[in-house]
Amino acid sequence: MRKPKQAMSFKKLQEHWYKKAAKAGFEDIEQNDEEQRLKKWHSTYLQQRYTPEAYAAAERYYHLASDYLHNGTFDSTKDKRIWELHTEGLTFRKIATLEKTSDWTVCKIIAKYREKFL
């Protein structure tokens, strides 16, 4: 009967596969640190989409939306609940699922109240 091999430690196993991948020509784009930062960008898409200005604009929008939730007027309790979930950052689909309605209904309700404060 054959004796089973002893399990490799995670670090040894990781080193083994990194060497194997490097030999095959694989170039890792992540650094081997705990934060797993990228070494280089292959496109500028994320850099352009997620700018500090975009984050500031989203923060301002949700701040205004939250203010409207507490100080604005709503046509129904359902509309207010949908707006509340929207101010928490939920997607239209998730809100529709929670409120047992269609994505389109959620979209129309949010658009209606968005016009009131933008």
PDB file of N, CA and C in Angstrom:
ATOM      1  N   MET A   1       0.840  -1.182   0.000  1.00  0.00           N
ATOM      2  CA  MET A   1       0.000   0.000   0.000  1.00  0.00           C
ATOM      3  C   MET A   1       0.882   1.242   0.000  1.00  0.00           C
ATOM      4  N   ARG A   2       0.478   2.205  -0.777  1.00  0.00           N
ATOM      5  CA  ARG A   2       1.231   3.444  -0.941  1.00  0.00           C
ATOM      6  C   ARG A   2       0.901   4.434   0.167  1.00  0.00           C
ATOM      7  N   LYS A   3       1.910   5.103   0.670  1.00  0.00           N
ATOM      8  CA  LYS A   3       1.724   6.088   1.730  1.00  0.00           C
ATOM      9  C   LYS A   3       1.290   7.421   1.116  1.00  0.00           C
ATOM     10  N   PRO A   4       0.213   8.073   1.639  1.00  0.00           N
ATOM     11  CA  PRO A   4      -0.234   9.367   1.072  1.00  0.00           C
ATOM     12  C   PRO A   4       0.788  10.465   1.326  1.00  0.00           C
ATOM     13  N   LYS A   5       0.897  11.367   0.335  1.00  0.00           N
ATOM     14  CA  LYS A   5       1.806  12.508   0.487  1.00  0.00           C
ATOM     15  C   LYS A   5       1.282  13.450   1.556  1.00  0.00           C
ATOM     16  N   GLN A   6       2.217  14.078   2.241  1.00  0.00           N
ATOM     17  CA  GLN A   6       1.827  15.046   3.256  1.00  0.00           C
ATOM     18  C   GLN A   6       1.336  16.313   2.567  1.00  0.00           C
ATOM     19  N   ALA A   7       0.295  16.926   3.092  1.00  0.00           N
ATOM     20  CA  ALA A   7      -0.277  18.142   2.498  1.00  0.00           C
ATOM     21  C   ALA A   7       0.729  19.281   2.549  1.00  0.00           C
ATOM     22  N   MET A   8       0.797  20.020   1.440  1.00  0.00           N
ATOM     23  CA  MET A   8       1.676  21.191   1.390  1.00  0.00           C
ATOM     24  C   MET A   8       1.040  22.347   2.136  1.00  0.00           C
ATOM     25  N   SER A   9       1.875  23.197   2.689  1.00  0.00           N
ATOM     26  CA  SER A   9       1.341  24.405   3.303  1.00  0.00           C
ATOM     27  C   SER A   9       0.809  25.297   2.182  1.00  0.00           C
ATOM     28  N   PHE A  10      -0.064  26.215   2.547  1.00  0.00           N
ATOM     29  CA  PHE A  10      -0.650  27.099   1.529  1.00  0.00           C
ATOM     30  C   PHE A  10       0.418  27.889   0.790  1.00  0.00           C
ATOM     31  N   LYS A  11       1.380  28.444   1.526  1.00  0.00           N
ATOM     32  CA  LYS A  11       2.424  29.266   0.897  1.00  0.00           C
ATOM     33  C   LYS A  11       3.244  28.454  -0.103  1.00  0.00           C
ATOM     34  N   LYS A  12       3.593  27.213   0.268  1.00  0.00           N
ATOM     35  CA  LYS A  12       4.368  26.379  -0.648  1.00  0.00           C
ATOM     36  C   LYS A  12       3.548  26.034  -1.889  1.00  0.00           C
ATOM     37  N   LEU A  13       2.291  25.725  -1.673  1.00  0.00           N
ATOM     38  CA  LEU A  13       1.405  25.406  -2.789  1.00  0.00           C
ATOM     39  C   LEU A  13       1.241  26.620  -3.712  1.00  0.00           C
ATOM     40  N   GLN A  14       1.083  27.803  -3.117  1.00  0.00           N
ATOM     41  CA  GLN A  14       0.950  29.034  -3.887  1.00  0.00           C
ATOM     42  C   GLN A  14       2.221  29.291  -4.701  1.00  0.00           C
ATOM     43  N   GLU A  15       3.374  29.156  -4.070  1.00  0.00           N
ATOM     44  CA  GLU A  15       4.642  29.356  -4.772  1.00  0.00           C
ATOM     45  C   GLU A  15       4.780  28.375  -5.933  1.00  0.00           C
ATOM     46  N   HIS A  16       4.400  27.129  -5.689  1.00  0.00           N
ATOM     47  CA  HIS A  16       4.461  26.095  -6.731  1.00  0.00           C
ATOM     48  C   HIS A  16       3.650  26.508  -7.956  1.00  0.00           C
ATOM     49  N   TRP A  17       2.416  26.945  -7.733  1.00  0.00           N
ATOM     50  CA  TRP A  17       1.552  27.307  -8.857  1.00  0.00           C
ATOM     51  C   TRP A  17       1.953  28.626  -9.507  1.00  0.00           C
ATOM     52  N   TYR A  18       2.480  29.553  -8.722  1.00  0.00           N
ATOM     53  CA  TYR A  18       2.983  30.792  -9.318  1.00  0.00           C
ATOM     54  C   TYR A  18       4.159  30.499 -10.258  1.00  0.00           C
ATOM     55  N   LYS A  19       5.068  29.608  -9.845  1.00  0.00           N
ATOM     56  CA  LYS A  19       6.206  29.246 -10.692  1.00  0.00           C
ATOM     57  C   LYS A  19       5.726  28.562 -11.966  1.00  0.00           C
ATOM     58  N   LYS A  20       4.767  27.659 -11.812  1.00  0.00           N
ATOM     59  CA  LYS A  20       4.212  26.943 -12.954  1.00  0.00           C
ATOM     60  C   LYS A  20       3.549  27.919 -13.941  1.00  0.00           C
ATOM     61  N   ALA A  21       2.795  28.880 -13.412  1.00  0.00           N
ATOM     62  CA  ALA A  21       2.123  29.870 -14.258  1.00  0.00           C
ATOM     63  C   ALA A  21       3.140  30.768 -14.960  1.00  0.00           C
ATOM     64  N   ALA A  22       4.176  31.188 -14.229  1.00  0.00           N
ATOM     65  CA  ALA A  22       5.212  32.041 -14.818  1.00  0.00           C
ATOM     66  C   ALA A  22       5.937  31.305 -15.941  1.00  0.00           C
ATOM     67  N   LYS A  23       6.205  30.025 -15.729  1.00  0.00           N
ATOM     68  CA  LYS A  23       6.879  29.208 -16.749  1.00  0.00           C
ATOM     69  C   LYS A  23       6.035  29.118 -18.022  1.00  0.00           C
ATOM     70  N   ALA A  24       4.715  29.119 -17.834  1.00  0.00           N
ATOM     71  CA  ALA A  24       3.800  29.033 -18.979  1.00  0.00           C
ATOM     72  C   ALA A  24       3.592  30.392 -19.652  1.00  0.00           C
ATOM     73  N   GLY A  25       4.193  31.451 -19.094  1.00  0.00           N
ATOM     74  CA  GLY A  25       4.089  32.768 -19.704  1.00  0.00           C
ATOM     75  C   GLY A  25       3.016  33.663 -19.102  1.00  0.00           C
ATOM     76  N   PHE A  26       2.398  33.231 -18.038  1.00  0.00           N
ATOM     77  CA  PHE A  26       1.355  34.027 -17.383  1.00  0.00           C
ATOM     78  C   PHE A  26       1.989  35.193 -16.644  1.00  0.00           C
ATOM     79  N   GLU A  27       1.423  36.375 -16.856  1.00  0.00           N
ATOM     80  CA  GLU A  27       1.914  37.561 -16.160  1.00  0.00           C
ATOM     81  C   GLU A  27       0.797  38.083 -15.264  1.00  0.00           C
ATOM     82  N   ASP A  28       0.989  37.986 -13.965  1.00  0.00           N
ATOM     83  CA  ASP A  28      -0.027  38.389 -12.994  1.00  0.00           C
ATOM     84  C   ASP A  28      -0.120  39.913 -12.950  1.00  0.00           C
ATOM     85  N   ILE A  29      -1.345  40.449 -12.986  1.00  0.00           N
ATOM     86  CA  ILE A  29      -1.502  41.901 -12.930  1.00  0.00           C
ATOM     87  C   ILE A  29      -1.705  42.397 -11.503  1.00  0.00           C
ATOM     88  N   GLU A  30      -1.833  41.445 -10.539  1.00  0.00           N
ATOM     89  CA  GLU A  30      -1.994  41.853  -9.139  1.00  0.00           C
ATOM     90  C   GLU A  30      -0.686  41.697  -8.396  1.00  0.00           C
ATOM     91  N   GLN A  31      -0.464  42.578  -7.440  1.00  0.00           N
ATOM     92  CA  GLN A  31       0.697  42.459  -6.582  1.00  0.00           C
ATOM     93  C   GLN A  31       0.416  41.386  -5.545  1.00  0.00           C
ATOM     94  N   ASN A  32       1.438  40.804  -5.021  1.00  0.00           N
ATOM     95  CA  ASN A  32       1.258  39.790  -3.984  1.00  0.00           C
ATOM     96  C   ASN A  32       1.329  40.414  -2.601  1.00  0.00           C
ATOM     97  N   ASP A  33       0.434  41.321  -2.342  1.00  0.00           N
ATOM     98  CA  ASP A  33       0.342  41.886  -1.006  1.00  0.00           C
ATOM     99  C   ASP A  33      -1.082  41.671  -0.508  1.00  0.00           C
ATOM    100  N   GLU A  34      -1.333  42.010   0.700  1.00  0.00           N
ATOM    101  CA  GLU A  34      -2.649  41.745   1.280  1.00  0.00           C
ATOM    102  C   GLU A  34      -3.750  42.566   0.634  1.00  0.00           C
ATOM    103  N   GLU A  35      -3.424  43.719   0.084  1.00  0.00           N
ATOM    104  CA  GLU A  35      -4.437  44.573  -0.521  1.00  0.00           C
ATOM    105  C   GLU A  35      -4.711  44.193  -1.976  1.00  0.00           C
ATOM    106  N   GLN A  36      -3.878  43.356  -2.562  1.00  0.00           N
ATOM    107  CA  GLN A  36      -4.030  42.870  -3.929  1.00  0.00           C
ATOM    108  C   GLN A  36      -4.243  44.008  -4.931  1.00  0.00           C
ATOM    109  N   ARG A  37      -3.396  45.021  -4.868  1.00  0.00           N
ATOM    110  CA  ARG A  37      -3.489  46.129  -5.819  1.00  0.00           C
ATOM    111  C   ARG A  37      -3.043  45.671  -7.199  1.00  0.00           C
ATOM    112  N   LEU A  38      -3.534  46.369  -8.196  1.00  0.00           N
ATOM    113  CA  LEU A  38      -3.116  46.074  -9.559  1.00  0.00           C
ATOM    114  C   LEU A  38      -1.750  46.685  -9.822  1.00  0.00           C
ATOM    115  N   LYS A  39      -0.908  45.958 -10.559  1.00  0.00           N
ATOM    116  CA  LYS A  39       0.410  46.477 -10.934  1.00  0.00           C
ATOM    117  C   LYS A  39       0.283  47.501 -12.055  1.00  0.00           C
ATOM    118  N   LYS A  40      -0.631  47.226 -12.975  1.00  0.00           N
ATOM    119  CA  LYS A  40      -0.830  48.135 -14.097  1.00  0.00           C
ATOM    120  C   LYS A  40      -2.261  48.013 -14.584  1.00  0.00           C
ATOM    121  N   TRP A  41      -2.724  49.051 -15.249  1.00  0.00           N
ATOM    122  CA  TRP A  41      -4.069  49.064 -15.818  1.00  0.00           C
ATOM    123  C   TRP A  41      -3.998  48.628 -17.260  1.00  0.00           C
ATOM    124  N   HIS A  42      -4.921  47.774 -17.682  1.00  0.00           N
ATOM    125  CA  HIS A  42      -4.935  47.379 -19.077  1.00  0.00           C
ATOM    126  C   HIS A  42      -5.838  48.292 -19.903  1.00  0.00           C
ATOM    127  N   SER A  43      -6.634  49.110 -19.206  1.00  0.00           N
ATOM    128  CA  SER A  43      -7.444  50.094 -19.919  1.00  0.00           C
ATOM    129  C   SER A  43      -7.714  51.252 -18.965  1.00  0.00           C
ATOM    130  N   THR A  44      -8.235  52.318 -19.510  1.00  0.00           N
ATOM    131  CA  THR A  44      -8.535  53.475 -18.661  1.00  0.00           C
ATOM    132  C   THR A  44     -10.012  53.524 -18.283  1.00  0.00           C
ATOM    133  N   TYR A  45     -10.763  52.486 -18.641  1.00  0.00           N
ATOM    134  CA  TYR A  45     -12.206  52.469 -18.380  1.00  0.00           C
ATOM    135  C   TYR A  45     -12.521  52.731 -16.911  1.00  0.00           C
ATOM    136  N   LEU A  46     -11.928  51.944 -16.012  1.00  0.00           N
ATOM    137  CA  LEU A  46     -12.231  52.106 -14.584  1.00  0.00           C
ATOM    138  C   LEU A  46     -11.717  53.442 -14.049  1.00  0.00           C
ATOM    139  N   GLN A  47     -10.576  53.863 -14.536  1.00  0.00           N
ATOM    140  CA  GLN A  47     -10.030  55.142 -14.081  1.00  0.00           C
ATOM    141  C   GLN A  47     -10.949  56.297 -14.465  1.00  0.00           C
ATOM    142  N   GLN A  48     -11.549  56.223 -15.644  1.00  0.00           N
ATOM    143  CA  GLN A  48     -12.435  57.291 -16.091  1.00  0.00           C
ATOM    144  C   GLN A  48     -13.803  57.205 -15.426  1.00  0.00           C
ATOM    145  N   ARG A  49     -14.277  55.994 -15.186  1.00  0.00           N
ATOM    146  CA  ARG A  49     -15.617  55.824 -14.624  1.00  0.00           C
ATOM    147  C   ARG A  49     -15.655  56.115 -13.123  1.00  0.00           C
ATOM    148  N   TYR A  50     -14.658  55.701 -12.409  1.00  0.00           N
ATOM    149  CA  TYR A  50     -14.652  55.840 -10.959  1.00  0.00           C
ATOM    150  C   TYR A  50     -13.673  56.921 -10.510  1.00  0.00           C
ATOM    151  N   THR A  51     -13.989  58.127 -10.890  1.00  0.00           N
ATOM    152  CA  THR A  51     -13.151  59.268 -10.519  1.00  0.00           C
ATOM    153  C   THR A  51     -13.621  59.823  -9.174  1.00  0.00           C
ATOM    154  N   PRO A  52     -12.793  60.600  -8.512  1.00  0.00           N
ATOM    155  CA  PRO A  52     -13.229  61.240  -7.270  1.00  0.00           C
ATOM    156  C   PRO A  52     -14.472  62.110  -7.485  1.00  0.00           C
ATOM    157  N   GLU A  53     -14.554  62.743  -8.662  1.00  0.00           N
ATOM    158  CA  GLU A  53     -15.719  63.583  -8.964  1.00  0.00           C
ATOM    159  C   GLU A  53     -16.999  62.744  -9.063  1.00  0.00           C
ATOM    160  N   ALA A  54     -16.882  61.542  -9.651  1.00  0.00           N
ATOM    161  CA  ALA A  54     -18.045  60.652  -9.768  1.00  0.00           C
ATOM    162  C   ALA A  54     -18.526  60.209  -8.392  1.00  0.00           C
ATOM    163  N   TYR A  55     -17.589  59.885  -7.511  1.00  0.00           N
ATOM    164  CA  TYR A  55     -17.969  59.506  -6.148  1.00  0.00           C
ATOM    165  C   TYR A  55     -18.620  60.672  -5.413  1.00  0.00           C
ATOM    166  N   ALA A  56     -18.073  61.868  -5.576  1.00  0.00           N
ATOM    167  CA  ALA A  56     -18.635  63.055  -4.916  1.00  0.00           C
ATOM    168  C   ALA A  56     -20.047  63.333  -5.429  1.00  0.00           C
ATOM    169  N   ALA A  57     -20.254  63.166  -6.738  1.00  0.00           N
ATOM    170  CA  ALA A  57     -21.578  63.393  -7.317  1.00  0.00           C
ATOM    171  C   ALA A  57     -22.580  62.367  -6.790  1.00  0.00           C
ATOM    172  N   ALA A  58     -22.168  61.104  -6.703  1.00  0.00           N
ATOM    173  CA  ALA A  58     -23.062  60.060  -6.180  1.00  0.00           C
ATOM    174  C   ALA A  58     -23.383  60.323  -4.711  1.00  0.00           C
ATOM    175  N   GLU A  59     -22.382  60.744  -3.960  1.00  0.00           N
ATOM    176  CA  GLU A  59     -22.606  61.050  -2.543  1.00  0.00           C
ATOM    177  C   GLU A  59     -23.601  62.202  -2.391  1.00  0.00           C
ATOM    178  N   ARG A  60     -23.429  63.227  -3.200  1.00  0.00           N
ATOM    179  CA  ARG A  60     -24.337  64.378  -3.160  1.00  0.00           C
ATOM    180  C   ARG A  60     -25.758  63.961  -3.548  1.00  0.00           C
ATOM    181  N   TYR A  61     -25.881  63.144  -4.605  1.00  0.00           N
ATOM    182  CA  TYR A  61     -27.195  62.682  -5.041  1.00  0.00           C
ATOM    183  C   TYR A  61     -27.910  61.925  -3.915  1.00  0.00           C
ATOM    184  N   TYR A  62     -27.231  60.977  -3.293  1.00  0.00           N
ATOM    185  CA  TYR A  62     -27.878  60.180  -2.249  1.00  0.00           C
ATOM    186  C   TYR A  62     -28.163  61.003  -0.998  1.00  0.00           C
ATOM    187  N   HIS A  63     -27.357  62.024  -0.762  1.00  0.00           N
ATOM    188  CA  HIS A  63     -27.643  62.933   0.345  1.00  0.00           C
ATOM    189  C   HIS A  63     -28.947  63.695   0.072  1.00  0.00           C
ATOM    190  N   LEU A  64     -29.078  64.224  -1.149  1.00  0.00           N
ATOM    191  CA  LEU A  64     -30.311  64.932  -1.527  1.00  0.00           C
ATOM    192  C   LEU A  64     -31.517  63.995  -1.529  1.00  0.00           C
ATOM    193  N   ALA A  65     -31.314  62.770  -2.017  1.00  0.00           N
ATOM    194  CA  ALA A  65     -32.405  61.785  -2.045  1.00  0.00           C
ATOM    195  C   ALA A  65     -32.863  61.454  -0.628  1.00  0.00           C
ATOM    196  N   SER A  66     -31.932  61.334   0.281  1.00  0.00           N
ATOM    197  CA  SER A  66     -32.267  61.060   1.687  1.00  0.00           C
ATOM    198  C   SER A  66     -33.017  62.230   2.306  1.00  0.00           C
ATOM    199  N   ASP A  67     -32.578  63.441   1.998  1.00  0.00           N
ATOM    200  CA  ASP A  67     -33.294  64.630   2.476  1.00  0.00           C
ATOM    201  C   ASP A  67     -34.733  64.629   1.976  1.00  0.00           C
ATOM    202  N   TYR A  68     -34.907  64.278   0.697  1.00  0.00           N
ATOM    203  CA  TYR A  68     -36.252  64.255   0.146  1.00  0.00           C
ATOM    204  C   TYR A  68     -37.098  63.177   0.838  1.00  0.00           C
ATOM    205  N   LEU A  69     -36.485  62.074   1.187  1.00  0.00           N
ATOM    206  CA  LEU A  69     -37.216  61.005   1.883  1.00  0.00           C
ATOM    207  C   LEU A  69     -37.815  61.532   3.181  1.00  0.00           C
ATOM    208  N   HIS A  70     -37.062  62.351   3.895  1.00  0.00           N
ATOM    209  CA  HIS A  70     -37.514  62.838   5.204  1.00  0.00           C
ATOM    210  C   HIS A  70     -38.345  64.116   5.129  1.00  0.00           C
ATOM    211  N   ASN A  71     -38.152  64.908   4.085  1.00  0.00           N
ATOM    212  CA  ASN A  71     -38.835  66.203   4.011  1.00  0.00           C
ATOM    213  C   ASN A  71     -39.805  66.359   2.844  1.00  0.00           C
ATOM    214  N   GLY A  72     -39.767  65.441   1.902  1.00  0.00           N
ATOM    215  CA  GLY A  72     -40.610  65.551   0.713  1.00  0.00           C
ATOM    216  C   GLY A  72     -41.985  64.938   0.926  1.00  0.00           C
ATOM    217  N   THR A  73     -42.813  65.088  -0.089  1.00  0.00           N
ATOM    218  CA  THR A  73     -44.156  64.499  -0.039  1.00  0.00           C
ATOM    219  C   THR A  73     -44.248  63.386  -1.078  1.00  0.00           C
ATOM    220  N   PHE A  74     -44.986  62.348  -0.747  1.00  0.00           N
ATOM    221  CA  PHE A  74     -45.136  61.187  -1.615  1.00  0.00           C
ATOM    222  C   PHE A  74     -46.615  60.932  -1.857  1.00  0.00           C
ATOM    223  N   ASP A  75     -46.929  60.405  -3.030  1.00  0.00           N
ATOM    224  CA  ASP A  75     -48.319  60.131  -3.395  1.00  0.00           C
ATOM    225  C   ASP A  75     -48.895  58.940  -2.634  1.00  0.00           C
ATOM    226  N   SER A  76     -48.022  58.014  -2.219  1.00  0.00           N
ATOM    227  CA  SER A  76     -48.508  56.829  -1.503  1.00  0.00           C
ATOM    228  C   SER A  76     -47.405  56.279  -0.604  1.00  0.00           C
ATOM    229  N   THR A  77     -47.805  55.400   0.288  1.00  0.00           N
ATOM    230  CA  THR A  77     -46.847  54.726   1.169  1.00  0.00           C
ATOM    231  C   THR A  77     -45.905  53.852   0.345  1.00  0.00           C
ATOM    232  N   LYS A  78     -46.458  53.228  -0.700  1.00  0.00           N
ATOM    233  CA  LYS A  78     -45.647  52.389  -1.577  1.00  0.00           C
ATOM    234  C   LYS A  78     -44.554  53.214  -2.256  1.00  0.00           C
ATOM    235  N   ASP A  79     -44.916  54.387  -2.758  1.00  0.00           N
ATOM    236  CA  ASP A  79     -43.923  55.269  -3.394  1.00  0.00           C
ATOM    237  C   ASP A  79     -42.822  55.638  -2.408  1.00  0.00           C
ATOM    238  N   LYS A  80     -43.207  55.948  -1.190  1.00  0.00           N
ATOM    239  CA  LYS A  80     -42.220  56.336  -0.179  1.00  0.00           C
ATOM    240  C   LYS A  80     -41.303  55.165   0.154  1.00  0.00           C
ATOM    241  N   ARG A  81     -41.858  53.975   0.252  1.00  0.00           N
ATOM    242  CA  ARG A  81     -41.057  52.778   0.547  1.00  0.00           C
ATOM    243  C   ARG A  81     -40.073  52.501  -0.583  1.00  0.00           C
ATOM    244  N   ILE A  82     -40.526  52.634  -1.825  1.00  0.00           N
ATOM    245  CA  ILE A  82     -39.639  52.427  -2.967  1.00  0.00           C
ATOM    246  C   ILE A  82     -38.527  53.472  -2.960  1.00  0.00           C
ATOM    247  N   TRP A  83     -38.878  54.712  -2.674  1.00  0.00           N
ATOM    248  CA  TRP A  83     -37.866  55.776  -2.607  1.00  0.00           C
ATOM    249  C   TRP A  83     -36.876  55.511  -1.473  1.00  0.00           C
ATOM    250  N   GLU A  84     -37.375  55.029  -0.363  1.00  0.00           N
ATOM    251  CA  GLU A  84     -36.507  54.721   0.782  1.00  0.00           C
ATOM    252  C   GLU A  84     -35.478  53.640   0.400  1.00  0.00           C
ATOM    253  N   LEU A  85     -35.939  52.594  -0.252  1.00  0.00           N
ATOM    254  CA  LEU A  85     -35.020  51.533  -0.682  1.00  0.00           C
ATOM    255  C   LEU A  85     -34.016  52.060  -1.702  1.00  0.00           C
ATOM    256  N   HIS A  86     -34.475  52.964  -2.560  1.00  0.00           N
ATOM    257  CA  HIS A  86     -33.573  53.591  -3.541  1.00  0.00           C
ATOM    258  C   HIS A  86     -32.487  54.401  -2.832  1.00  0.00           C
ATOM    259  N   THR A  87     -32.853  55.150  -1.801  1.00  0.00           N
ATOM    260  CA  THR A  87     -31.855  55.957  -1.084  1.00  0.00           C
ATOM    261  C   THR A  87     -30.847  55.088  -0.335  1.00  0.00           C
ATOM    262  N   GLU A  88     -31.189  53.824  -0.111  1.00  0.00           N
ATOM    263  CA  GLU A  88     -30.251  52.889   0.519  1.00  0.00           C
ATOM    264  C   GLU A  88     -29.325  52.240  -0.509  1.00  0.00           C
ATOM    265  N   GLY A  89     -29.539  52.573  -1.790  1.00  0.00           N
ATOM    266  CA  GLY A  89     -28.642  52.107  -2.839  1.00  0.00           C
ATOM    267  C   GLY A  89     -29.034  50.793  -3.482  1.00  0.00           C
ATOM    268  N   LEU A  90     -30.235  50.300  -3.230  1.00  0.00           N
ATOM    269  CA  LEU A  90     -30.672  49.044  -3.838  1.00  0.00           C
ATOM    270  C   LEU A  90     -30.954  49.244  -5.326  1.00  0.00           C
ATOM    271  N   THR A  91     -30.764  48.207  -6.094  1.00  0.00           N
ATOM    272  CA  THR A  91     -31.028  48.269  -7.527  1.00  0.00           C
ATOM    273  C   THR A  91     -32.534  48.242  -7.774  1.00  0.00           C
ATOM    274  N   PHE A  92     -32.941  48.679  -8.964  1.00  0.00           N
ATOM    275  CA  PHE A  92     -34.363  48.655  -9.323  1.00  0.00           C
ATOM    276  C   PHE A  92     -34.913  47.235  -9.212  1.00  0.00           C
ATOM    277  N   ARG A  93     -34.147  46.271  -9.685  1.00  0.00           N
ATOM    278  CA  ARG A  93     -34.602  44.876  -9.673  1.00  0.00           C
ATOM    279  C   ARG A  93     -34.806  44.375  -8.237  1.00  0.00           C
ATOM    280  N   LYS A  94     -33.866  44.703  -7.355  1.00  0.00           N
ATOM    281  CA  LYS A  94     -33.980  44.267  -5.957  1.00  0.00           C
ATOM    282  C   LYS A  94     -35.192  44.927  -5.293  1.00  0.00           C
ATOM    283  N   ILE A  95     -35.385  46.218  -5.557  1.00  0.00           N
ATOM    284  CA  ILE A  95     -36.543  46.927  -5.004  1.00  0.00           C
ATOM    285  C   ILE A  95     -37.831  46.290  -5.523  1.00  0.00           C
ATOM    286  N   ALA A  96     -37.877  46.004  -6.816  1.00  0.00           N
ATOM    287  CA  ALA A  96     -39.073  45.392  -7.408  1.00  0.00           C
ATOM    288  C   ALA A  96     -39.372  44.041  -6.760  1.00  0.00           C
ATOM    289  N   THR A  97     -38.350  43.271  -6.502  1.00  0.00           N
ATOM    290  CA  THR A  97     -38.532  41.974  -5.853  1.00  0.00           C
ATOM    291  C   THR A  97     -39.077  42.145  -4.440  1.00  0.00           C
ATOM    292  N   LEU A  98     -38.480  43.052  -3.692  1.00  0.00           N
ATOM    293  CA  LEU A  98     -38.922  43.279  -2.305  1.00  0.00           C
ATOM    294  C   LEU A  98     -40.346  43.815  -2.229  1.00  0.00           C
ATOM    295  N   GLU A  99     -40.694  44.682  -3.169  1.00  0.00           N
ATOM    296  CA  GLU A  99     -42.008  45.318  -3.157  1.00  0.00           C
ATOM    297  C   GLU A  99     -43.052  44.578  -4.010  1.00  0.00           C
ATOM    298  N   LYS A 100     -42.624  43.460  -4.589  1.00  0.00           N
ATOM    299  CA  LYS A 100     -43.524  42.632  -5.415  1.00  0.00           C
ATOM    300  C   LYS A 100     -44.200  43.447  -6.521  1.00  0.00           C
ATOM    301  N   THR A 101     -43.355  44.132  -7.273  1.00  0.00           N
ATOM    302  CA  THR A 101     -43.822  44.934  -8.406  1.00  0.00           C
ATOM    303  C   THR A 101     -42.820  44.768  -9.549  1.00  0.00           C
ATOM    304  N   SER A 102     -43.034  45.468 -10.646  1.00  0.00           N
ATOM    305  CA  SER A 102     -42.126  45.332 -11.789  1.00  0.00           C
ATOM    306  C   SER A 102     -40.981  46.339 -11.716  1.00  0.00           C
ATOM    307  N   ASP A 103     -39.900  46.002 -12.411  1.00  0.00           N
ATOM    308  CA  ASP A 103     -38.757  46.927 -12.510  1.00  0.00           C
ATOM    309  C   ASP A 103     -39.211  48.254 -13.110  1.00  0.00           C
ATOM    310  N   TRP A 104     -40.094  48.166 -14.107  1.00  0.00           N
ATOM    311  CA  TRP A 104     -40.564  49.356 -14.807  1.00  0.00           C
ATOM    312  C   TRP A 104     -41.324  50.278 -13.858  1.00  0.00           C
ATOM    313  N   THR A 105     -42.139  49.721 -12.992  1.00  0.00           N
ATOM    314  CA  THR A 105     -42.889  50.524 -12.014  1.00  0.00           C
ATOM    315  C   THR A 105     -41.918  51.236 -11.082  1.00  0.00           C
ATOM    316  N   VAL A 106     -40.934  50.516 -10.611  1.00  0.00           N
ATOM    317  CA  VAL A 106     -39.914  51.109  -9.728  1.00  0.00           C
ATOM    318  C   VAL A 106     -39.198  52.234 -10.457  1.00  0.00           C
ATOM    319  N   CYS A 107     -38.811  52.005 -11.692  1.00  0.00           N
ATOM    320  CA  CYS A 107     -38.111  53.015 -12.493  1.00  0.00           C
ATOM    321  C   CYS A 107     -38.952  54.283 -12.636  1.00  0.00           C
ATOM    322  N   LYS A 108     -40.246  54.124 -12.942  1.00  0.00           N
ATOM    323  CA  LYS A 108     -41.139  55.284 -13.117  1.00  0.00           C
ATOM    324  C   LYS A 108     -41.293  56.061 -11.806  1.00  0.00           C
ATOM    325  N   ILE A 109     -41.456  55.345 -10.702  1.00  0.00           N
ATOM    326  CA  ILE A 109     -41.637  56.016  -9.407  1.00  0.00           C
ATOM    327  C   ILE A 109     -40.388  56.790  -9.023  1.00  0.00           C
ATOM    328  N   ILE A 110     -39.237  56.191  -9.184  1.00  0.00           N
ATOM    329  CA  ILE A 110     -37.987  56.870  -8.836  1.00  0.00           C
ATOM    330  C   ILE A 110     -37.763  58.076  -9.737  1.00  0.00           C
ATOM    331  N   ALA A 111     -38.040  57.929 -11.029  1.00  0.00           N
ATOM    332  CA  ALA A 111     -37.881  59.052 -11.962  1.00  0.00           C
ATOM    333  C   ALA A 111     -38.801  60.207 -11.583  1.00  0.00           C
ATOM    334  N   LYS A 112     -40.017  59.888 -11.156  1.00  0.00           N
ATOM    335  CA  LYS A 112     -40.985  60.930 -10.777  1.00  0.00           C
ATOM    336  C   LYS A 112     -40.463  61.768  -9.613  1.00  0.00           C
ATOM    337  N   TYR A 113     -39.930  61.133  -8.601  1.00  0.00           N
ATOM    338  CA  TYR A 113     -39.455  61.885  -7.431  1.00  0.00           C
ATOM    339  C   TYR A 113     -38.070  62.480  -7.644  1.00  0.00           C
ATOM    340  N   ARG A 114     -37.277  61.870  -8.492  1.00  0.00           N
ATOM    341  CA  ARG A 114     -35.958  62.420  -8.805  1.00  0.00           C
ATOM    342  C   ARG A 114     -36.102  63.794  -9.459  1.00  0.00           C
ATOM    343  N   GLU A 115     -37.098  63.948 -10.307  1.00  0.00           N
ATOM    344  CA  GLU A 115     -37.337  65.234 -10.964  1.00  0.00           C
ATOM    345  C   GLU A 115     -37.649  66.338  -9.962  1.00  0.00           C
ATOM    346  N   LYS A 116     -38.239  66.002  -8.837  1.00  0.00           N
ATOM    347  CA  LYS A 116     -38.659  67.004  -7.866  1.00  0.00           C
ATOM    348  C   LYS A 116     -37.505  67.678  -7.132  1.00  0.00           C
ATOM    349  N   PHE A 117     -36.365  66.997  -7.041  1.00  0.00           N
ATOM    350  CA  PHE A 117     -35.264  67.646  -6.308  1.00  0.00           C
ATOM    351  C   PHE A 117     -34.004  67.865  -7.119  1.00  0.00           C
ATOM    352  N   LEU A 118     -33.954  67.372  -8.323  1.00  0.00           N
ATOM    353  CA  LEU A 118     -32.745  67.628  -9.143  1.00  0.00           C
ATOM    354  C   LEU A 118     -32.899  68.847 -10.010  1.00  0.00           C
TER     355      LEU A 118
END
